[in-house]
């Protein structure tokens, strides 16, 4: 089987929002610089915060996310302003793939959470919950947030029957049953 992949889709509306944010923080940075230049008031915190937000916004806009699926692995790749990052998950260690639901406090504690999706992509966020063995040999619950298309989810469902598009509470219950 050849690899199936999905990539970032840039939505025009999201691009306009991000550019408006960049213009706003550039304006704030310019005000801080003018204040230093004319009034000799140096605000390190203001300048650092403005530069920090601009770096984050540029890295979110410029990044390209790819999610590849093979018979045995689910591979996430990010190529961005700060370099390349990738993560590969064996399909056997996946507890479930579910539609992301923000919650204040979760029942299950995830040791590691990663984001492999662009702010410019207008698709829904999905979560891959999986188990990973740490350096000490203990199991850790981890998750990755990503934005797949429908065909990718369909193929993932074919390889992981009963684990895709399930409710997040079912993933947690299945993990708790497995632990006991």
N, C-alpha and C. Protein backbone atom coordinates (compact mmCIF):
# COMPACT_ATOMS: atom_id res chain seq x y z
N UNK A 1 0.84 -1.19 0.00
CA UNK A 1 0.00 0.00 0.00
C UNK A 1 0.88 1.24 0.00
N UNK A 2 0.57 2.20 -0.87
CA UNK A 2 1.32 3.44 -0.88
C UNK A 2 0.85 4.31 0.29
N UNK A 3 1.68 5.24 0.64
CA UNK A 3 1.34 6.13 1.74
C UNK A 3 0.22 7.08 1.32
N UNK A 4 -0.70 7.31 2.24
CA UNK A 4 -1.77 8.28 2.04
C UNK A 4 -1.45 9.46 2.94
N UNK A 5 -1.57 10.66 2.41
CA UNK A 5 -1.22 11.82 3.23
C UNK A 5 -2.23 12.94 3.05
N UNK A 6 -2.22 13.84 4.00
CA UNK A 6 -3.03 15.04 3.95
C UNK A 6 -2.15 16.21 4.35
N UNK A 7 -2.37 17.36 3.72
CA UNK A 7 -1.54 18.54 3.98
C UNK A 7 -2.41 19.71 4.42
N UNK A 8 -1.75 20.75 4.86
CA UNK A 8 -2.42 21.97 5.31
C UNK A 8 -3.18 22.62 4.16
N UNK A 9 -4.40 23.06 4.43
CA UNK A 9 -5.20 23.82 3.48
C UNK A 9 -5.34 25.22 4.04
N UNK A 10 -4.90 26.22 3.29
CA UNK A 10 -4.95 27.60 3.75
C UNK A 10 -6.30 28.21 3.38
N UNK A 11 -7.00 28.72 4.39
CA UNK A 11 -8.29 29.38 4.18
C UNK A 11 -8.05 30.88 4.12
N UNK A 12 -8.68 31.55 3.16
CA UNK A 12 -8.47 32.98 2.95
C UNK A 12 -8.88 33.80 4.17
N UNK A 13 -10.00 33.43 4.81
CA UNK A 13 -10.48 34.15 5.98
C UNK A 13 -9.46 34.09 7.12
N UNK A 14 -8.92 32.90 7.36
CA UNK A 14 -7.93 32.75 8.42
C UNK A 14 -6.65 33.51 8.11
N UNK A 15 -6.29 33.56 6.85
CA UNK A 15 -5.10 34.31 6.44
C UNK A 15 -5.29 35.81 6.73
N UNK A 16 -6.48 36.33 6.45
CA UNK A 16 -6.75 37.74 6.73
C UNK A 16 -6.70 38.04 8.22
N UNK A 17 -7.21 37.15 9.03
CA UNK A 17 -7.18 37.33 10.49
C UNK A 17 -5.74 37.33 10.99
N UNK A 18 -4.92 36.40 10.49
CA UNK A 18 -3.53 36.35 10.93
C UNK A 18 -2.75 37.59 10.48
N UNK A 19 -3.01 38.05 9.25
CA UNK A 19 -2.32 39.26 8.80
C UNK A 19 -2.77 40.49 9.59
N UNK A 20 -4.02 40.56 9.98
CA UNK A 20 -4.49 41.66 10.82
C UNK A 20 -3.78 41.62 12.18
N UNK A 21 -3.59 40.43 12.71
CA UNK A 21 -2.87 40.28 13.98
C UNK A 21 -1.42 40.70 13.84
N UNK A 22 -0.80 40.34 12.73
CA UNK A 22 0.60 40.74 12.50
C UNK A 22 0.71 42.25 12.38
N UNK A 23 -0.21 42.86 11.67
CA UNK A 23 -0.20 44.32 11.54
C UNK A 23 -0.38 44.98 12.91
N UNK A 24 -1.28 44.45 13.73
CA UNK A 24 -1.53 45.01 15.06
C UNK A 24 -0.27 44.94 15.93
N UNK A 25 0.39 43.78 15.98
CA UNK A 25 1.58 43.66 16.83
C UNK A 25 2.77 44.41 16.25
N UNK A 26 2.84 44.56 14.93
CA UNK A 26 3.88 45.39 14.32
C UNK A 26 3.66 46.85 14.71
N UNK A 27 2.41 47.29 14.72
CA UNK A 27 2.07 48.64 15.15
C UNK A 27 2.48 48.87 16.61
N UNK A 28 2.18 47.90 17.48
CA UNK A 28 2.57 48.03 18.89
C UNK A 28 4.09 48.07 19.05
N UNK A 29 4.79 47.25 18.28
CA UNK A 29 6.25 47.26 18.33
C UNK A 29 6.80 48.60 17.84
N UNK A 30 6.21 49.14 16.77
CA UNK A 30 6.64 50.45 16.26
C UNK A 30 6.40 51.54 17.31
N UNK A 31 5.27 51.48 18.02
CA UNK A 31 5.01 52.46 19.09
C UNK A 31 6.06 52.37 20.19
N UNK A 32 6.43 51.15 20.58
CA UNK A 32 7.46 50.98 21.61
C UNK A 32 8.81 51.53 21.15
N UNK A 33 9.14 51.31 19.88
CA UNK A 33 10.41 51.82 19.35
C UNK A 33 10.39 53.34 19.26
N UNK A 34 9.28 53.91 18.82
CA UNK A 34 9.15 55.37 18.75
C UNK A 34 9.22 55.98 20.15
N UNK A 35 8.59 55.32 21.11
CA UNK A 35 8.62 55.80 22.49
C UNK A 35 10.07 55.82 23.02
N UNK A 36 10.84 54.80 22.66
CA UNK A 36 12.24 54.77 23.08
C UNK A 36 13.05 55.85 22.37
N UNK A 37 12.81 56.00 21.09
CA UNK A 37 13.58 56.93 20.29
C UNK A 37 13.29 58.38 20.67
N UNK A 38 12.03 58.75 20.83
CA UNK A 38 11.65 60.14 21.09
C UNK A 38 11.65 60.50 22.58
N UNK A 39 11.11 59.61 23.42
CA UNK A 39 10.94 59.92 24.84
C UNK A 39 11.99 59.26 25.73
N UNK A 40 12.83 58.42 25.15
CA UNK A 40 13.87 57.68 25.87
C UNK A 40 13.28 56.81 26.99
N UNK A 41 12.11 56.24 26.71
CA UNK A 41 11.48 55.29 27.62
C UNK A 41 11.62 53.91 26.99
N UNK A 42 12.43 53.08 27.64
CA UNK A 42 12.71 51.76 27.09
C UNK A 42 11.87 50.72 27.82
N UNK A 43 10.96 50.10 27.12
CA UNK A 43 10.08 49.08 27.69
C UNK A 43 10.50 47.71 27.16
N UNK A 44 11.38 47.04 27.90
CA UNK A 44 11.87 45.73 27.43
C UNK A 44 10.74 44.70 27.39
N UNK A 45 9.85 44.77 28.36
CA UNK A 45 8.75 43.80 28.39
C UNK A 45 7.83 43.98 27.19
N UNK A 46 7.46 45.21 26.89
CA UNK A 46 6.58 45.48 25.74
C UNK A 46 7.20 45.05 24.43
N UNK A 47 8.47 45.37 24.25
CA UNK A 47 9.16 44.99 23.01
C UNK A 47 9.30 43.47 22.92
N UNK A 48 9.65 42.83 24.03
CA UNK A 48 9.82 41.37 24.02
C UNK A 48 8.50 40.66 23.74
N UNK A 49 7.42 41.14 24.33
CA UNK A 49 6.10 40.53 24.09
C UNK A 49 5.68 40.71 22.64
N UNK A 50 5.87 41.91 22.10
CA UNK A 50 5.51 42.16 20.70
C UNK A 50 6.32 41.28 19.74
N UNK A 51 7.62 41.19 19.97
CA UNK A 51 8.46 40.35 19.12
C UNK A 51 8.07 38.88 19.28
N UNK A 52 7.79 38.46 20.51
CA UNK A 52 7.37 37.08 20.75
C UNK A 52 6.10 36.72 19.99
N UNK A 53 5.10 37.62 20.06
CA UNK A 53 3.86 37.36 19.34
C UNK A 53 4.09 37.34 17.83
N UNK A 54 4.94 38.23 17.33
CA UNK A 54 5.22 38.23 15.89
C UNK A 54 5.91 36.94 15.44
N UNK A 55 6.85 36.45 16.24
CA UNK A 55 7.54 35.20 15.89
C UNK A 55 6.54 34.04 15.88
N UNK A 56 5.68 33.98 16.89
CA UNK A 56 4.68 32.91 16.95
C UNK A 56 3.73 32.99 15.76
N UNK A 57 3.25 34.20 15.44
CA UNK A 57 2.33 34.35 14.31
C UNK A 57 2.99 33.97 12.99
N UNK A 58 4.24 34.41 12.77
CA UNK A 58 4.93 34.05 11.54
C UNK A 58 5.19 32.55 11.47
N UNK A 59 5.53 31.93 12.61
CA UNK A 59 5.78 30.49 12.57
C UNK A 59 4.49 29.71 12.32
N UNK A 60 3.36 30.21 12.81
CA UNK A 60 2.08 29.54 12.56
C UNK A 60 1.64 29.71 11.10
N UNK A 61 1.93 30.85 10.51
CA UNK A 61 1.54 31.10 9.12
C UNK A 61 2.44 30.33 8.16
N UNK A 62 3.71 30.34 8.42
CA UNK A 62 4.67 29.79 7.48
C UNK A 62 4.74 28.27 7.52
N UNK A 63 4.35 27.65 8.61
CA UNK A 63 4.50 26.21 8.78
C UNK A 63 3.63 25.41 7.81
N UNK A 64 4.17 24.28 7.37
CA UNK A 64 3.44 23.36 6.51
C UNK A 64 3.39 22.01 7.22
N UNK A 65 2.18 21.51 7.43
CA UNK A 65 1.98 20.27 8.16
C UNK A 65 1.54 19.17 7.20
N UNK A 66 2.14 18.00 7.37
CA UNK A 66 1.79 16.84 6.57
C UNK A 66 1.57 15.65 7.50
N UNK A 67 0.54 14.90 7.20
CA UNK A 67 0.23 13.70 7.96
C UNK A 67 0.18 12.53 6.97
N UNK A 68 1.05 11.55 7.17
CA UNK A 68 1.14 10.39 6.28
C UNK A 68 0.71 9.13 7.02
N UNK A 69 0.08 8.25 6.28
CA UNK A 69 -0.42 7.00 6.85
C UNK A 69 0.09 5.84 6.01
N UNK A 70 0.75 4.89 6.67
CA UNK A 70 1.17 3.66 6.01
C UNK A 70 0.51 2.49 6.74
N UNK A 71 0.85 1.27 6.37
CA UNK A 71 0.22 0.09 6.98
C UNK A 71 0.51 -0.04 8.47
N UNK A 72 1.67 0.46 8.91
CA UNK A 72 2.07 0.26 10.31
C UNK A 72 2.29 1.55 11.08
N UNK A 73 2.42 2.69 10.40
CA UNK A 73 2.76 3.95 11.07
C UNK A 73 1.84 5.10 10.67
N UNK A 74 1.67 6.01 11.61
CA UNK A 74 1.03 7.30 11.36
C UNK A 74 2.12 8.33 11.61
N UNK A 75 2.48 9.09 10.57
CA UNK A 75 3.63 9.99 10.63
C UNK A 75 3.15 11.43 10.48
N UNK A 76 3.55 12.28 11.43
CA UNK A 76 3.24 13.70 11.39
C UNK A 76 4.54 14.46 11.14
N UNK A 77 4.49 15.43 10.20
CA UNK A 77 5.67 16.23 9.88
C UNK A 77 5.30 17.70 9.85
N UNK A 78 6.19 18.52 10.35
CA UNK A 78 6.00 19.97 10.32
C UNK A 78 7.29 20.60 9.80
N UNK A 79 7.16 21.40 8.76
CA UNK A 79 8.29 22.16 8.25
C UNK A 79 7.94 23.62 8.44
N UNK A 80 8.73 24.31 9.25
CA UNK A 80 8.37 25.68 9.58
C UNK A 80 9.56 26.59 9.75
N UNK A 81 9.27 27.75 10.30
CA UNK A 81 10.25 28.80 10.52
C UNK A 81 11.37 28.33 11.45
N UNK A 82 11.04 27.51 12.41
CA UNK A 82 12.00 27.06 13.41
C UNK A 82 12.60 25.69 13.10
N UNK A 83 12.45 25.21 11.88
CA UNK A 83 13.03 23.93 11.48
C UNK A 83 11.98 22.86 11.23
N UNK A 84 12.46 21.60 11.17
CA UNK A 84 11.58 20.47 10.91
C UNK A 84 11.32 19.71 12.21
N UNK A 85 10.11 19.19 12.30
CA UNK A 85 9.73 18.38 13.46
C UNK A 85 8.88 17.24 12.93
N UNK A 86 9.10 16.04 13.45
CA UNK A 86 8.28 14.92 13.02
C UNK A 86 8.02 13.98 14.18
N UNK A 87 6.97 13.22 14.04
CA UNK A 87 6.57 12.26 15.06
C UNK A 87 5.92 11.08 14.34
N UNK A 88 6.35 9.89 14.69
CA UNK A 88 5.74 8.70 14.09
C UNK A 88 5.16 7.83 15.20
N UNK A 89 3.95 7.34 14.95
CA UNK A 89 3.22 6.55 15.93
C UNK A 89 2.89 5.20 15.31
N UNK A 90 3.27 4.10 15.97
CA UNK A 90 2.83 2.79 15.48
C UNK A 90 1.31 2.68 15.63
N UNK A 91 0.65 2.15 14.63
CA UNK A 91 -0.81 2.04 14.66
C UNK A 91 -1.29 1.17 15.83
N UNK A 92 -0.48 0.22 16.26
CA UNK A 92 -0.87 -0.66 17.36
C UNK A 92 -0.96 0.08 18.69
N UNK A 93 -0.25 1.21 18.84
CA UNK A 93 -0.25 1.93 20.12
C UNK A 93 -1.35 3.00 20.19
N UNK A 94 -2.13 3.17 19.13
CA UNK A 94 -3.18 4.18 19.12
C UNK A 94 -4.39 3.68 19.90
N UNK A 95 -4.83 4.49 20.88
CA UNK A 95 -6.02 4.16 21.67
C UNK A 95 -7.29 4.57 20.94
N UNK A 96 -7.23 5.69 20.23
CA UNK A 96 -8.40 6.18 19.52
C UNK A 96 -8.13 7.49 18.82
N UNK A 97 -8.96 7.80 17.84
CA UNK A 97 -8.91 9.06 17.11
C UNK A 97 -10.30 9.67 17.24
N UNK A 98 -10.36 10.87 17.81
CA UNK A 98 -11.65 11.47 18.07
C UNK A 98 -11.64 12.96 17.76
N UNK A 99 -12.82 13.49 17.55
CA UNK A 99 -13.01 14.91 17.30
C UNK A 99 -12.65 15.67 18.56
N UNK A 100 -11.82 16.69 18.45
CA UNK A 100 -11.34 17.43 19.61
C UNK A 100 -12.48 18.18 20.30
N UNK A 101 -12.60 17.96 21.61
CA UNK A 101 -13.57 18.66 22.44
C UNK A 101 -12.80 19.33 23.58
N UNK A 102 -12.73 20.66 23.59
CA UNK A 102 -12.01 21.31 24.69
C UNK A 102 -12.74 21.11 26.01
N UNK A 103 -11.99 20.80 27.04
CA UNK A 103 -12.58 20.62 28.36
C UNK A 103 -11.62 21.20 29.39
N UNK A 104 -12.19 21.67 30.48
CA UNK A 104 -11.39 22.29 31.53
C UNK A 104 -10.48 21.28 32.21
N UNK A 105 -11.06 20.21 32.69
CA UNK A 105 -10.30 19.19 33.39
C UNK A 105 -10.67 17.84 32.78
N UNK A 106 -9.68 17.09 32.38
CA UNK A 106 -9.94 15.79 31.79
C UNK A 106 -9.77 14.68 32.83
N UNK A 107 -10.41 13.57 32.57
CA UNK A 107 -10.27 12.41 33.46
C UNK A 107 -8.89 11.80 33.28
N UNK A 108 -8.47 11.74 32.04
CA UNK A 108 -7.20 11.10 31.71
C UNK A 108 -6.11 12.17 31.59
N UNK A 109 -4.96 11.88 32.13
CA UNK A 109 -3.85 12.82 32.05
C UNK A 109 -2.96 12.43 30.88
N UNK A 110 -2.75 13.38 29.99
CA UNK A 110 -1.86 13.14 28.86
C UNK A 110 -0.50 13.73 29.19
N UNK A 111 0.52 12.90 29.12
CA UNK A 111 1.86 13.32 29.48
C UNK A 111 2.44 14.28 28.44
N UNK A 112 2.17 14.00 27.17
CA UNK A 112 2.68 14.85 26.09
C UNK A 112 1.53 15.19 25.16
N UNK A 113 1.46 16.45 24.76
CA UNK A 113 0.50 16.89 23.76
C UNK A 113 1.26 17.68 22.71
N UNK A 114 1.00 17.38 21.45
CA UNK A 114 1.65 18.08 20.35
C UNK A 114 0.60 18.59 19.39
N UNK A 115 0.92 19.69 18.72
CA UNK A 115 0.02 20.28 17.75
C UNK A 115 0.68 20.17 16.37
N UNK A 116 0.02 19.48 15.48
CA UNK A 116 0.48 19.34 14.09
C UNK A 116 -0.60 19.85 13.16
N UNK A 117 -1.01 21.10 13.34
CA UNK A 117 -1.98 21.71 12.44
C UNK A 117 -1.75 23.21 12.38
N UNK A 118 -2.14 23.79 11.26
CA UNK A 118 -1.94 25.21 11.03
C UNK A 118 -3.13 26.02 11.51
N UNK A 119 -2.85 27.23 11.93
CA UNK A 119 -3.93 28.15 12.31
C UNK A 119 -4.69 28.61 11.07
N UNK A 120 -4.10 28.45 9.90
CA UNK A 120 -4.75 28.90 8.66
C UNK A 120 -5.69 27.86 8.08
N UNK A 121 -5.60 26.64 8.58
CA UNK A 121 -6.43 25.54 8.10
C UNK A 121 -7.79 25.62 8.78
N UNK A 122 -8.86 25.67 8.00
CA UNK A 122 -10.20 25.83 8.55
C UNK A 122 -10.90 24.54 8.92
N UNK A 123 -10.26 23.40 8.72
CA UNK A 123 -10.91 22.13 9.03
C UNK A 123 -10.97 21.91 10.55
N UNK A 124 -11.80 20.95 10.97
CA UNK A 124 -11.94 20.63 12.38
C UNK A 124 -10.68 19.96 12.92
N UNK A 125 -10.43 20.18 14.21
CA UNK A 125 -9.28 19.57 14.87
C UNK A 125 -9.67 18.18 15.38
N UNK A 126 -8.81 17.21 15.13
CA UNK A 126 -8.99 15.85 15.61
C UNK A 126 -7.82 15.51 16.52
N UNK A 127 -8.02 14.52 17.37
CA UNK A 127 -7.00 14.13 18.33
C UNK A 127 -6.68 12.65 18.17
N UNK A 128 -5.39 12.34 18.15
CA UNK A 128 -4.93 10.95 18.18
C UNK A 128 -4.41 10.71 19.58
N UNK A 129 -5.06 9.82 20.32
CA UNK A 129 -4.60 9.43 21.65
C UNK A 129 -3.83 8.12 21.51
N UNK A 130 -2.63 8.08 22.07
CA UNK A 130 -1.80 6.88 21.94
C UNK A 130 -0.96 6.67 23.19
N UNK A 131 -0.40 5.49 23.28
CA UNK A 131 0.45 5.12 24.41
C UNK A 131 1.89 5.04 23.92
N UNK A 132 2.79 5.58 24.73
CA UNK A 132 4.20 5.57 24.39
C UNK A 132 4.98 5.09 25.60
N UNK A 133 6.05 4.37 25.39
CA UNK A 133 6.92 3.90 26.47
C UNK A 133 8.04 4.92 26.65
N UNK A 134 8.19 5.43 27.89
CA UNK A 134 9.24 6.43 28.13
C UNK A 134 10.59 5.75 28.36
N UNK A 135 11.61 6.52 28.69
CA UNK A 135 12.97 6.00 28.86
C UNK A 135 13.09 5.06 30.06
N UNK A 136 12.19 5.25 31.04
CA UNK A 136 12.23 4.39 32.23
C UNK A 136 11.41 3.12 32.06
N UNK A 137 10.76 2.96 30.91
CA UNK A 137 9.97 1.77 30.64
C UNK A 137 8.52 1.87 31.07
N UNK A 138 8.08 3.05 31.50
CA UNK A 138 6.69 3.24 31.91
C UNK A 138 5.86 3.70 30.72
N UNK A 139 4.58 3.30 30.71
CA UNK A 139 3.66 3.75 29.67
C UNK A 139 3.18 5.16 29.97
N UNK A 140 3.14 5.99 28.94
CA UNK A 140 2.64 7.36 29.06
C UNK A 140 1.54 7.57 28.04
N UNK A 141 0.48 8.26 28.45
CA UNK A 141 -0.58 8.62 27.51
C UNK A 141 -0.18 9.91 26.82
N UNK A 142 -0.27 9.94 25.51
CA UNK A 142 0.11 11.10 24.72
C UNK A 142 -1.01 11.40 23.73
N UNK A 143 -0.98 12.60 23.18
CA UNK A 143 -1.96 12.95 22.15
C UNK A 143 -1.35 13.95 21.18
N UNK A 144 -1.92 13.91 19.97
CA UNK A 144 -1.51 14.83 18.91
C UNK A 144 -2.77 15.43 18.31
N UNK A 145 -2.76 16.73 18.15
CA UNK A 145 -3.87 17.44 17.51
C UNK A 145 -3.51 17.65 16.04
N UNK A 146 -4.45 17.32 15.14
CA UNK A 146 -4.20 17.50 13.71
C UNK A 146 -5.51 17.76 12.99
N UNK A 147 -5.42 18.16 11.72
CA UNK A 147 -6.60 18.48 10.91
C UNK A 147 -6.58 17.65 9.63
N UNK A 148 -7.22 16.48 9.64
CA UNK A 148 -7.24 15.63 8.45
C UNK A 148 -8.44 15.93 7.56
N UNK A 149 -8.39 15.42 6.34
CA UNK A 149 -9.56 15.51 5.47
C UNK A 149 -10.37 14.22 5.60
N UNK A 150 -11.54 14.20 5.00
CA UNK A 150 -12.47 13.06 5.15
C UNK A 150 -11.88 11.76 4.59
N UNK A 151 -11.18 11.83 3.47
CA UNK A 151 -10.62 10.62 2.87
C UNK A 151 -9.51 10.03 3.76
N UNK A 152 -8.75 10.89 4.40
CA UNK A 152 -7.71 10.42 5.31
C UNK A 152 -8.32 9.70 6.51
N UNK A 153 -9.38 10.30 7.07
CA UNK A 153 -10.07 9.66 8.20
C UNK A 153 -10.68 8.32 7.80
N UNK A 154 -11.19 8.25 6.56
CA UNK A 154 -11.79 7.00 6.08
C UNK A 154 -10.73 5.90 5.98
N UNK A 155 -9.56 6.24 5.47
CA UNK A 155 -8.48 5.27 5.35
C UNK A 155 -7.95 4.88 6.73
N UNK A 156 -7.88 5.84 7.64
CA UNK A 156 -7.46 5.56 9.01
C UNK A 156 -8.45 4.63 9.70
N UNK A 157 -9.74 4.83 9.42
CA UNK A 157 -10.78 3.98 9.96
C UNK A 157 -10.67 2.56 9.41
N UNK A 158 -10.24 2.43 8.17
CA UNK A 158 -10.05 1.11 7.57
C UNK A 158 -8.91 0.37 8.27
N UNK A 159 -7.84 1.07 8.61
CA UNK A 159 -6.70 0.43 9.26
C UNK A 159 -6.90 0.23 10.76
N UNK A 160 -7.72 1.09 11.38
CA UNK A 160 -8.01 0.99 12.81
C UNK A 160 -9.52 0.88 13.02
N UNK A 161 -10.11 -0.25 12.70
CA UNK A 161 -11.57 -0.34 12.82
C UNK A 161 -12.02 -0.20 14.27
N UNK A 162 -13.03 0.63 14.47
CA UNK A 162 -13.59 0.84 15.80
C UNK A 162 -12.84 1.84 16.66
N UNK A 163 -11.73 2.39 16.17
CA UNK A 163 -10.96 3.34 16.97
C UNK A 163 -11.01 4.77 16.43
N UNK A 164 -11.59 4.94 15.25
CA UNK A 164 -11.61 6.27 14.63
C UNK A 164 -13.02 6.84 14.72
N UNK A 165 -13.07 8.14 14.86
CA UNK A 165 -14.31 8.93 14.99
C UNK A 165 -15.15 8.49 16.17
N UNK A 166 -14.50 8.04 17.21
CA UNK A 166 -15.23 7.67 18.41
C UNK A 166 -15.24 8.84 19.39
N UNK A 167 -16.08 8.76 20.38
CA UNK A 167 -16.19 9.78 21.40
C UNK A 167 -14.95 9.73 22.30
N UNK A 168 -14.48 10.89 22.76
CA UNK A 168 -13.27 10.90 23.59
C UNK A 168 -13.47 10.15 24.91
N UNK A 169 -14.69 10.11 25.42
CA UNK A 169 -14.95 9.37 26.66
C UNK A 169 -14.79 7.86 26.45
N UNK A 170 -15.13 7.37 25.25
CA UNK A 170 -14.95 5.95 24.96
C UNK A 170 -13.46 5.59 24.91
N UNK A 171 -12.64 6.51 24.40
CA UNK A 171 -11.20 6.28 24.36
C UNK A 171 -10.66 6.16 25.79
N UNK A 172 -11.11 7.05 26.67
CA UNK A 172 -10.66 7.04 28.06
C UNK A 172 -11.12 5.77 28.77
N UNK A 173 -12.38 5.39 28.56
CA UNK A 173 -12.90 4.17 29.19
C UNK A 173 -12.17 2.93 28.70
N UNK A 174 -11.88 2.87 27.40
CA UNK A 174 -11.14 1.73 26.85
C UNK A 174 -9.75 1.65 27.45
N UNK A 175 -9.11 2.78 27.65
CA UNK A 175 -7.78 2.81 28.25
C UNK A 175 -7.84 2.39 29.72
N UNK A 176 -8.88 2.83 30.45
CA UNK A 176 -9.01 2.46 31.86
C UNK A 176 -9.27 0.95 31.99
N UNK A 177 -10.08 0.39 31.11
CA UNK A 177 -10.34 -1.05 31.15
C UNK A 177 -9.06 -1.84 30.86
N UNK A 178 -8.27 -1.35 29.92
CA UNK A 178 -7.04 -2.02 29.56
C UNK A 178 -6.04 -1.97 30.72
N UNK A 179 -6.02 -0.86 31.48
CA UNK A 179 -5.10 -0.71 32.60
C UNK A 179 -5.47 -1.63 33.76
N UNK A 180 -6.75 -1.92 33.94
CA UNK A 180 -7.19 -2.78 35.07
C UNK A 180 -7.10 -4.22 34.76
